[in-house]
PDB file of N, CA and C in Angstrom:
ATOM      1  N   MET A   1      58.708 -12.774  -3.100  1.00  0.00           N
ATOM      2  CA  MET A   1      58.375 -11.532  -3.785  1.00  0.00           C
ATOM      3  C   MET A   1      59.096 -10.342  -3.150  1.00  0.00           C
ATOM      4  N   ASN A   2      59.227 -10.338  -1.824  1.00  0.00           N
ATOM      5  CA  ASN A   2      59.901  -9.220  -1.168  1.00  0.00           C
ATOM      6  C   ASN A   2      61.332  -9.044  -1.659  1.00  0.00           C
ATOM      7  N   GLU A   3      61.984 -10.163  -2.001  1.00  0.00           N
ATOM      8  CA  GLU A   3      63.354 -10.084  -2.503  1.00  0.00           C
ATOM      9  C   GLU A   3      63.408  -9.304  -3.820  1.00  0.00           C
ATOM     10  N   LYS A   4      62.409  -9.509  -4.676  1.00  0.00           N
ATOM     11  CA  LYS A   4      62.370  -8.793  -5.963  1.00  0.00           C
ATOM     12  C   LYS A   4      62.215  -7.301  -5.737  1.00  0.00           C
ATOM     13  N   PHE A   5      61.360  -6.931  -4.800  1.00  0.00           N
ATOM     14  CA  PHE A   5      61.190  -5.508  -4.491  1.00  0.00           C
ATOM     15  C   PHE A   5      62.471  -4.941  -3.883  1.00  0.00           C
ATOM     16  N   ALA A   6      63.101  -5.688  -2.995  1.00  0.00           N
ATOM     17  CA  ALA A   6      64.326  -5.225  -2.348  1.00  0.00           C
ATOM     18  C   ALA A   6      65.427  -4.970  -3.367  1.00  0.00           C
ATOM     19  N   LYS A   7      65.512  -5.811  -4.392  1.00  0.00           N
ATOM     20  CA  LYS A   7      66.531  -5.619  -5.431  1.00  0.00           C
ATOM     21  C   LYS A   7      66.323  -4.310  -6.187  1.00  0.00           C
ATOM     22  N   LEU A   8      65.091  -3.816  -6.188  1.00  0.00           N
ATOM     23  CA  LEU A   8      64.780  -2.547  -6.840  1.00  0.00           C
ATOM     24  C   LEU A   8      64.820  -1.382  -5.852  1.00  0.00           C
ATOM     25  N   ASN A   9      65.385  -1.645  -4.665  1.00  0.00           N
ATOM     26  CA  ASN A   9      65.469  -0.626  -3.623  1.00  0.00           C
ATOM     27  C   ASN A   9      64.081  -0.073  -3.283  1.00  0.00           C
ATOM     28  N   THR A  10      63.129  -0.992  -3.145  1.00  0.00           N
ATOM     29  CA  THR A  10      61.737  -0.634  -2.910  1.00  0.00           C
ATOM     30  C   THR A  10      61.261  -1.204  -1.581  1.00  0.00           C
ATOM     31  N   VAL A  11      60.573  -0.391  -0.822  1.00  0.00           N
ATOM     32  CA  VAL A  11      60.004  -0.807   0.456  1.00  0.00           C
ATOM     33  C   VAL A  11      58.510  -1.019   0.262  1.00  0.00           C
ATOM     34  N   VAL A  12      58.005  -2.125   0.781  1.00  0.00           N
ATOM     35  CA  VAL A  12      56.586  -2.436   0.668  1.00  0.00           C
ATOM     36  C   VAL A  12      56.023  -2.598   2.074  1.00  0.00           C
ATOM     37  N   PHE A  13      54.901  -1.917   2.340  1.00  0.00           N
ATOM     38  CA  PHE A  13      54.208  -2.082   3.617  1.00  0.00           C
ATOM     39  C   PHE A  13      52.744  -1.800   3.407  1.00  0.00           C
ATOM     40  N   GLY A  14      51.954  -2.227   4.342  1.00  0.00           N
ATOM     41  CA  GLY A  14      50.519  -1.980   4.294  1.00  0.00           C
ATOM     42  C   GLY A  14      50.118  -1.039   5.406  1.00  0.00           C
ATOM     43  N   ILE A  15      49.000  -0.386   5.220  1.00  0.00           N
ATOM     44  CA  ILE A  15      48.419   0.448   6.262  1.00  0.00           C
ATOM     45  C   ILE A  15      46.989  -0.026   6.447  1.00  0.00           C
ATOM     46  N   SER A  16      46.645  -0.290   7.691  1.00  0.00           N
ATOM     47  CA  SER A  16      45.305  -0.773   7.999  1.00  0.00           C
ATOM     48  C   SER A  16      44.672   0.130   9.048  1.00  0.00           C
ATOM     49  N   THR A  17      43.365   0.276   8.970  1.00  0.00           N
ATOM     50  CA  THR A  17      42.665   1.075   9.974  1.00  0.00           C
ATOM     51  C   THR A  17      42.367   0.261  11.233  1.00  0.00           C
ATOM     52  N   ASP A  18      42.760  -1.003  11.237  1.00  0.00           N
ATOM     53  CA  ASP A  18      42.639  -1.820  12.451  1.00  0.00           C
ATOM     54  C   ASP A  18      43.707  -1.399  13.451  1.00  0.00           C
ATOM     55  N   ASN A  19      43.483  -1.750  14.715  1.00  0.00           N
ATOM     56  CA  ASN A  19      44.501  -1.450  15.721  1.00  0.00           C
ATOM     57  C   ASN A  19      45.647  -2.461  15.605  1.00  0.00           C
ATOM     58  N   ALA A  20      46.749  -2.187  16.275  1.00  0.00           N
ATOM     59  CA  ALA A  20      47.950  -3.018  16.157  1.00  0.00           C
ATOM     60  C   ALA A  20      47.698  -4.465  16.593  1.00  0.00           C
ATOM     61  N   GLU A  21      46.921  -4.672  17.628  1.00  0.00           N
ATOM     62  CA  GLU A  21      46.650  -6.036  18.102  1.00  0.00           C
ATOM     63  C   GLU A  21      45.906  -6.846  17.038  1.00  0.00           C
ATOM     64  N   THR A  22      44.889  -6.260  16.429  1.00  0.00           N
ATOM     65  CA  THR A  22      44.128  -6.933  15.378  1.00  0.00           C
ATOM     66  C   THR A  22      45.028  -7.202  14.171  1.00  0.00           C
ATOM     67  N   GLN A  23      45.867  -6.242  13.832  1.00  0.00           N
ATOM     68  CA  GLN A  23      46.798  -6.415  12.718  1.00  0.00           C
ATOM     69  C   GLN A  23      47.741  -7.581  12.953  1.00  0.00           C
ATOM     70  N   ASN A  24      48.291  -7.657  14.166  1.00  0.00           N
ATOM     71  CA  ASN A  24      49.231  -8.740  14.467  1.00  0.00           C
ATOM     72  C   ASN A  24      48.569 -10.101  14.307  1.00  0.00           C
ATOM     73  N   LYS A  25      47.326 -10.228  14.730  1.00  0.00           N
ATOM     74  CA  LYS A  25      46.596 -11.488  14.555  1.00  0.00           C
ATOM     75  C   LYS A  25      46.431 -11.798  13.069  1.00  0.00           C
ATOM     76  N   PHE A  26      46.112 -10.786  12.270  1.00  0.00           N
ATOM     77  CA  PHE A  26      45.934 -10.958  10.831  1.00  0.00           C
ATOM     78  C   PHE A  26      47.252 -11.363  10.168  1.00  0.00           C
ATOM     79  N   ILE A  27      48.343 -10.723  10.562  1.00  0.00           N
ATOM     80  CA  ILE A  27      49.664 -11.038  10.004  1.00  0.00           C
ATOM     81  C   ILE A  27      50.009 -12.499  10.257  1.00  0.00           C
ATOM     82  N   VAL A  28      49.764 -12.964  11.477  1.00  0.00           N
ATOM     83  CA  VAL A  28      50.058 -14.358  11.819  1.00  0.00           C
ATOM     84  C   VAL A  28      49.128 -15.303  11.055  1.00  0.00           C
ATOM     85  N   LYS A  29      47.835 -14.993  11.048  1.00  0.00           N
ATOM     86  CA  LYS A  29      46.853 -15.855  10.384  1.00  0.00           C
ATOM     87  C   LYS A  29      47.141 -16.001   8.894  1.00  0.00           C
ATOM     88  N   GLU A  30      47.459 -14.904   8.228  1.00  0.00           N
ATOM     89  CA  GLU A  30      47.676 -14.904   6.780  1.00  0.00           C
ATOM     90  C   GLU A  30      49.143 -15.112   6.396  1.00  0.00           C
ATOM     91  N   ASN A  31      50.011 -15.223   7.396  1.00  0.00           N
ATOM     92  CA  ASN A  31      51.437 -15.422   7.163  1.00  0.00           C
ATOM     93  C   ASN A  31      52.006 -14.329   6.245  1.00  0.00           C
ATOM     94  N   LEU A  32      51.647 -13.090   6.543  1.00  0.00           N
ATOM     95  CA  LEU A  32      52.106 -11.964   5.722  1.00  0.00           C
ATOM     96  C   LEU A  32      53.598 -11.746   5.886  1.00  0.00           C
ATOM     97  N   GLU A  33      54.226 -11.354   4.808  1.00  0.00           N
ATOM     98  CA  GLU A  33      55.655 -11.068   4.830  1.00  0.00           C
ATOM     99  C   GLU A  33      55.945  -9.574   4.866  1.00  0.00           C
ATOM    100  N   ILE A  34      54.917  -8.761   4.756  1.00  0.00           N
ATOM    101  CA  ILE A  34      55.133  -7.315   4.774  1.00  0.00           C
ATOM    102  C   ILE A  34      54.606  -6.736   6.088  1.00  0.00           C
ATOM    103  N   PRO A  35      55.226  -5.672   6.573  1.00  0.00           N
ATOM    104  CA  PRO A  35      54.730  -5.046   7.789  1.00  0.00           C
ATOM    105  C   PRO A  35      53.452  -4.265   7.514  1.00  0.00           C
ATOM    106  N   LEU A  36      52.630  -4.151   8.539  1.00  0.00           N
ATOM    107  CA  LEU A  36      51.423  -3.338   8.463  1.00  0.00           C
ATOM    108  C   LEU A  36      51.547  -2.196   9.468  1.00  0.00           C
ATOM    109  N   LEU A  37      51.231  -1.009   9.031  1.00  0.00           N
ATOM    110  CA  LEU A  37      51.204   0.148   9.921  1.00  0.00           C
ATOM    111  C   LEU A  37      49.775   0.370  10.379  1.00  0.00           C
ATOM    112  N   ALA A  38      49.612   0.754  11.636  1.00  0.00           N
ATOM    113  CA  ALA A  38      48.272   0.956  12.194  1.00  0.00           C
ATOM    114  C   ALA A  38      47.809   2.394  11.965  1.00  0.00           C
ATOM    115  N   ASP A  39      46.576   2.533  11.506  1.00  0.00           N
ATOM    116  CA  ASP A  39      45.943   3.836  11.283  1.00  0.00           C
ATOM    117  C   ASP A  39      44.520   3.787  11.847  1.00  0.00           C
ATOM    118  N   PRO A  40      44.371   3.444  13.149  1.00  0.00           N
ATOM    119  CA  PRO A  40      43.027   3.257  13.689  1.00  0.00           C
ATOM    120  C   PRO A  40      42.179   4.528  13.718  1.00  0.00           C
ATOM    121  N   ASP A  41      42.815   5.692  13.713  1.00  0.00           N
ATOM    122  CA  ASP A  41      42.035   6.930  13.683  1.00  0.00           C
ATOM    123  C   ASP A  41      41.704   7.360  12.250  1.00  0.00           C
ATOM    124  N   LYS A  42      42.185   6.580  11.267  1.00  0.00           N
ATOM    125  CA  LYS A  42      41.887   6.753   9.841  1.00  0.00           C
ATOM    126  C   LYS A  42      42.407   8.059   9.239  1.00  0.00           C
ATOM    127  N   LYS A  43      43.404   8.662   9.879  1.00  0.00           N
ATOM    128  CA  LYS A  43      43.939   9.928   9.365  1.00  0.00           C
ATOM    129  C   LYS A  43      44.623   9.744   8.011  1.00  0.00           C
ATOM    130  N   VAL A  44      45.500   8.753   7.912  1.00  0.00           N
ATOM    131  CA  VAL A  44      46.224   8.529   6.658  1.00  0.00           C
ATOM    132  C   VAL A  44      45.259   8.073   5.569  1.00  0.00           C
ATOM    133  N   ALA A  45      44.413   7.099   5.895  1.00  0.00           N
ATOM    134  CA  ALA A  45      43.456   6.585   4.907  1.00  0.00           C
ATOM    135  C   ALA A  45      42.531   7.696   4.408  1.00  0.00           C
ATOM    136  N   THR A  46      42.122   8.582   5.279  1.00  0.00           N
ATOM    137  CA  THR A  46      41.262   9.696   4.880  1.00  0.00           C
ATOM    138  C   THR A  46      42.014  10.652   3.957  1.00  0.00           C
ATOM    139  N   GLN A  47      43.259  10.981   4.303  1.00  0.00           N
ATOM    140  CA  GLN A  47      44.062  11.883   3.465  1.00  0.00           C
ATOM    141  C   GLN A  47      44.288  11.310   2.076  1.00  0.00           C
ATOM    142  N   LEU A  48      44.384   9.983   1.987  1.00  0.00           N
ATOM    143  CA  LEU A  48      44.622   9.336   0.690  1.00  0.00           C
ATOM    144  C   LEU A  48      43.329   9.024  -0.064  1.00  0.00           C
ATOM    145  N   GLY A  49      42.189   9.355   0.519  1.00  0.00           N
ATOM    146  CA  GLY A  49      40.912   9.086  -0.141  1.00  0.00           C
ATOM    147  C   GLY A  49      40.566   7.616  -0.164  1.00  0.00           C
ATOM    148  N   ALA A  50      41.027   6.890   0.839  1.00  0.00           N
ATOM    149  CA  ALA A  50      40.837   5.439   0.855  1.00  0.00           C
ATOM    150  C   ALA A  50      39.802   4.976   1.876  1.00  0.00           C
ATOM    151  N   ILE A  51      38.896   5.863   2.244  1.00  0.00           N
ATOM    152  CA  ILE A  51      37.804   5.477   3.140  1.00  0.00           C
ATOM    153  C   ILE A  51      36.526   5.420   2.313  1.00  0.00           C
ATOM    154  N   GLY A  52      35.865   4.279   2.386  1.00  0.00           N
ATOM    155  CA  GLY A  52      34.631   4.079   1.633  1.00  0.00           C
ATOM    156  C   GLY A  52      33.457   4.799   2.262  1.00  0.00           C
ATOM    157  N   PRO A  53      32.292   4.764   1.602  1.00  0.00           N
ATOM    158  CA  PRO A  53      31.123   5.516   2.060  1.00  0.00           C
ATOM    159  C   PRO A  53      30.587   5.070   3.421  1.00  0.00           C
ATOM    160  N   VAL A  54      30.851   3.845   3.818  1.00  0.00           N
ATOM    161  CA  VAL A  54      30.359   3.403   5.138  1.00  0.00           C
ATOM    162  C   VAL A  54      31.469   3.405   6.181  1.00  0.00           C
ATOM    163  N   GLY A  55      32.612   4.029   5.869  1.00  0.00           N
ATOM    164  CA  GLY A  55      33.674   4.206   6.841  1.00  0.00           C
ATOM    165  C   GLY A  55      34.755   3.156   6.858  1.00  0.00           C
ATOM    166  N   TYR A  56      34.691   2.174   5.964  1.00  0.00           N
ATOM    167  CA  TYR A  56      35.731   1.149   5.907  1.00  0.00           C
ATOM    168  C   TYR A  56      36.823   1.555   4.927  1.00  0.00           C
ATOM    169  N   ALA A  57      38.038   1.108   5.218  1.00  0.00           N
ATOM    170  CA  ALA A  57      39.161   1.400   4.324  1.00  0.00           C
ATOM    171  C   ALA A  57      39.044   0.571   3.055  1.00  0.00           C
ATOM    172  N   LYS A  58      39.350   1.207   1.946  1.00  0.00           N
ATOM    173  CA  LYS A  58      39.386   0.518   0.650  1.00  0.00           C
ATOM    174  C   LYS A  58      40.764  -0.091   0.473  1.00  0.00           C
ATOM    175  N   ARG A  59      40.855  -1.146  -0.319  1.00  0.00           N
ATOM    176  CA  ARG A  59      42.148  -1.761  -0.609  1.00  0.00           C
ATOM    177  C   ARG A  59      42.755  -1.082  -1.831  1.00  0.00           C
ATOM    178  N   HIS A  60      43.531  -0.077  -1.556  1.00  0.00           N
ATOM    179  CA  HIS A  60      44.220   0.660  -2.602  1.00  0.00           C
ATOM    180  C   HIS A  60      45.720   0.461  -2.445  1.00  0.00           C
ATOM    181  N   THR A  61      46.439   0.630  -3.539  1.00  0.00           N
ATOM    182  CA  THR A  61      47.891   0.591  -3.512  1.00  0.00           C
ATOM    183  C   THR A  61      48.411   1.914  -4.040  1.00  0.00           C
ATOM    184  N   TYR A  62      49.363   2.481  -3.311  1.00  0.00           N
ATOM    185  CA  TYR A  62      49.996   3.733  -3.706  1.00  0.00           C
ATOM    186  C   TYR A  62      51.479   3.458  -3.907  1.00  0.00           C
ATOM    187  N   VAL A  63      51.984   3.782  -5.082  1.00  0.00           N
ATOM    188  CA  VAL A  63      53.411   3.666  -5.347  1.00  0.00           C
ATOM    189  C   VAL A  63      53.978   5.071  -5.201  1.00  0.00           C
ATOM    190  N   ILE A  64      54.915   5.201  -4.276  1.00  0.00           N
ATOM    191  CA  ILE A  64      55.504   6.502  -3.978  1.00  0.00           C
ATOM    192  C   ILE A  64      56.931   6.506  -4.506  1.00  0.00           C
ATOM    193  N   ASP A  65      57.261   7.538  -5.282  1.00  0.00           N
ATOM    194  CA  ASP A  65      58.589   7.587  -5.896  1.00  0.00           C
ATOM    195  C   ASP A  65      59.643   8.075  -4.902  1.00  0.00           C
ATOM    196  N   LYS A  66      60.876   8.144  -5.359  1.00  0.00           N
ATOM    197  CA  LYS A  66      61.995   8.515  -4.481  1.00  0.00           C
ATOM    198  C   LYS A  66      61.929   9.962  -4.008  1.00  0.00           C
ATOM    199  N   GLN A  67      61.131  10.775  -4.682  1.00  0.00           N
ATOM    200  CA  GLN A  67      60.949  12.160  -4.263  1.00  0.00           C
ATOM    201  C   GLN A  67      59.790  12.306  -3.269  1.00  0.00           C
ATOM    202  N   GLY A  68      59.145  11.188  -2.934  1.00  0.00           N
ATOM    203  CA  GLY A  68      58.043  11.210  -1.976  1.00  0.00           C
ATOM    204  C   GLY A  68      56.698  11.561  -2.588  1.00  0.00           C
ATOM    205  N   LYS A  69      56.598  11.516  -3.895  1.00  0.00           N
ATOM    206  CA  LYS A  69      55.342  11.822  -4.585  1.00  0.00           C
ATOM    207  C   LYS A  69      54.654  10.532  -5.015  1.00  0.00           C
ATOM    208  N   ILE A  70      53.342  10.562  -5.034  1.00  0.00           N
ATOM    209  CA  ILE A  70      52.579   9.390  -5.468  1.00  0.00           C
ATOM    210  C   ILE A  70      52.736   9.258  -6.978  1.00  0.00           C
ATOM    211  N   ALA A  71      53.336   8.156  -7.413  1.00  0.00           N
ATOM    212  CA  ALA A  71      53.595   7.929  -8.831  1.00  0.00           C
ATOM    213  C   ALA A  71      52.470   7.149  -9.497  1.00  0.00           C
ATOM    214  N   LYS A  72      51.747   6.343  -8.719  1.00  0.00           N
ATOM    215  CA  LYS A  72      50.679   5.515  -9.290  1.00  0.00           C
ATOM    216  C   LYS A  72      49.748   5.103  -8.164  1.00  0.00           C
ATOM    217  N   VAL A  73      48.463   5.041  -8.498  1.00  0.00           N
ATOM    218  CA  VAL A  73      47.452   4.568  -7.554  1.00  0.00           C
ATOM    219  C   VAL A  73      46.688   3.428  -8.203  1.00  0.00           C
ATOM    220  N   TYR A  74      46.586   2.332  -7.494  1.00  0.00           N
ATOM    221  CA  TYR A  74      45.777   1.188  -7.938  1.00  0.00           C
ATOM    222  C   TYR A  74      44.535   1.142  -7.054  1.00  0.00           C
ATOM    223  N   THR A  75      43.368   1.274  -7.657  1.00  0.00           N
ATOM    224  CA  THR A  75      42.130   1.227  -6.882  1.00  0.00           C
ATOM    225  C   THR A  75      41.410  -0.103  -7.031  1.00  0.00           C
ATOM    226  N   LYS A  76      41.831  -0.904  -7.986  1.00  0.00           N
ATOM    227  CA  LYS A  76      41.296  -2.261  -8.156  1.00  0.00           C
ATOM    228  C   LYS A  76      42.462  -3.220  -7.993  1.00  0.00           C
ATOM    229  N   VAL A  77      42.364  -4.073  -6.999  1.00  0.00           N
ATOM    230  CA  VAL A  77      43.472  -4.941  -6.646  1.00  0.00           C
ATOM    231  C   VAL A  77      43.037  -6.394  -6.730  1.00  0.00           C
ATOM    232  N   SER A  78      43.749  -7.186  -7.519  1.00  0.00           N
ATOM    233  CA  SER A  78      43.534  -8.625  -7.585  1.00  0.00           C
ATOM    234  C   SER A  78      44.669  -9.287  -6.807  1.00  0.00           C
ATOM    235  N   PRO A  79      44.387  -9.857  -5.645  1.00  0.00           N
ATOM    236  CA  PRO A  79      45.460 -10.430  -4.823  1.00  0.00           C
ATOM    237  C   PRO A  79      46.355 -11.419  -5.567  1.00  0.00           C
ATOM    238  N   ALA A  80      45.816 -12.147  -6.503  1.00  0.00           N
ATOM    239  CA  ALA A  80      46.595 -13.173  -7.205  1.00  0.00           C
ATOM    240  C   ALA A  80      47.678 -12.576  -8.110  1.00  0.00           C
ATOM    241  N   THR A  81      47.450 -11.390  -8.656  1.00  0.00           N
ATOM    242  CA  THR A  81      48.377 -10.829  -9.638  1.00  0.00           C
ATOM    243  C   THR A  81      48.930  -9.452  -9.268  1.00  0.00           C
ATOM    244  N   HIS A  82      48.475  -8.894  -8.192  1.00  0.00           N
ATOM    245  CA  HIS A  82      48.790  -7.503  -7.894  1.00  0.00           C
ATOM    246  C   HIS A  82      50.273  -7.247  -7.637  1.00  0.00           C
ATOM    247  N   ALA A  83      50.928  -8.101  -6.885  1.00  0.00           N
ATOM    248  CA  ALA A  83      52.344  -7.878  -6.585  1.00  0.00           C
ATOM    249  C   ALA A  83      53.170  -7.830  -7.875  1.00  0.00           C
ATOM    250  N   GLU A  84      52.904  -8.738  -8.788  1.00  0.00           N
ATOM    251  CA  GLU A  84      53.623  -8.739 -10.069  1.00  0.00           C
ATOM    252  C   GLU A  84      53.307  -7.488 -10.880  1.00  0.00           C
ATOM    253  N   GLU A  85      52.055  -7.047 -10.833  1.00  0.00           N
ATOM    254  CA  GLU A  85      51.654  -5.836 -11.552  1.00  0.00           C
ATOM    255  C   GLU A  85      52.435  -4.619 -11.038  1.00  0.00           C
ATOM    256  N   VAL A  86      52.510  -4.482  -9.721  1.00  0.00           N
ATOM    257  CA  VAL A  86      53.227  -3.356  -9.121  1.00  0.00           C
ATOM    258  C   VAL A  86      54.722  -3.466  -9.412  1.00  0.00           C
ATOM    259  N   LEU A  87      55.262  -4.665  -9.294  1.00  0.00           N
ATOM    260  CA  LEU A  87      56.672  -4.883  -9.589  1.00  0.00           C
ATOM    261  C   LEU A  87      56.994  -4.468 -11.026  1.00  0.00           C
ATOM    262  N   GLY A  88      56.139  -4.839 -11.958  1.00  0.00           N
ATOM    263  CA  GLY A  88      56.331  -4.469 -13.360  1.00  0.00           C
ATOM    264  C   GLY A  88      56.326  -2.965 -13.557  1.00  0.00           C
ATOM    265  N   PHE A  89      55.432  -2.268 -12.864  1.00  0.00           N
ATOM    266  CA  PHE A  89      55.383  -0.811 -12.957  1.00  0.00           C
ATOM    267  C   PHE A  89      56.679  -0.196 -12.450  1.00  0.00           C
ATOM    268  N   ILE A  90      57.143  -0.683 -11.313  1.00  0.00           N
ATOM    269  CA  ILE A  90      58.376  -0.133 -10.723  1.00  0.00           C
ATOM    270  C   ILE A  90      59.563  -0.391 -11.647  1.00  0.00           C
ATOM    271  N   GLU A  91      59.665  -1.594 -12.182  1.00  0.00           N
ATOM    272  CA  GLU A  91      60.775  -1.938 -13.083  1.00  0.00           C
ATOM    273  C   GLU A  91      60.766  -1.072 -14.338  1.00  0.00           C
ATOM    274  N   LYS A  92      59.582  -0.833 -14.878  1.00  0.00           N
ATOM    275  CA  LYS A  92      59.458  -0.131 -16.157  1.00  0.00           C
ATOM    276  C   LYS A  92      59.481   1.391 -15.998  1.00  0.00           C
ATOM    277  N   ASP A  93      58.717   1.884 -15.023  1.00  0.00           N
ATOM    278  CA  ASP A  93      58.462   3.333 -14.972  1.00  0.00           C
ATOM    279  C   ASP A  93      59.214   4.104 -13.886  1.00  0.00           C
ATOM    280  N   LEU A  94      59.785   3.413 -12.922  1.00  0.00           N
ATOM    281  CA  LEU A  94      60.449   4.159 -11.845  1.00  0.00           C
ATOM    282  C   LEU A  94      61.945   3.929 -11.768  1.00  0.00           C
ATOM    283  N   LYS A  95      62.516   3.287 -12.749  1.00  0.00           N
ATOM    284  CA  LYS A  95      63.968   3.062 -12.722  1.00  0.00           C
ATOM    285  C   LYS A  95      64.717   4.290 -13.122  1.00  0.00           C
TER     286      LYS A  95
END
């Protein structure tokens, strides 16, 4: 899947409120192909409105355009189909 995004000149990464050590364990366990950025102080997640009522980060996806503006926000994510959904949006709406 990363190859498809790369062909569209698109960078994909995750941001987690876990610390880097916990993230690295998760990356290895789940065999993730995308990098995760650490946000343990929750500054980025808070700015994006991605902190839930009990303080946990929500699984949201933000598509940022070439001008650095948020072009689309996904607040409901289905792991089985989400990458294709985002890829379709980028192919159709951000070319």
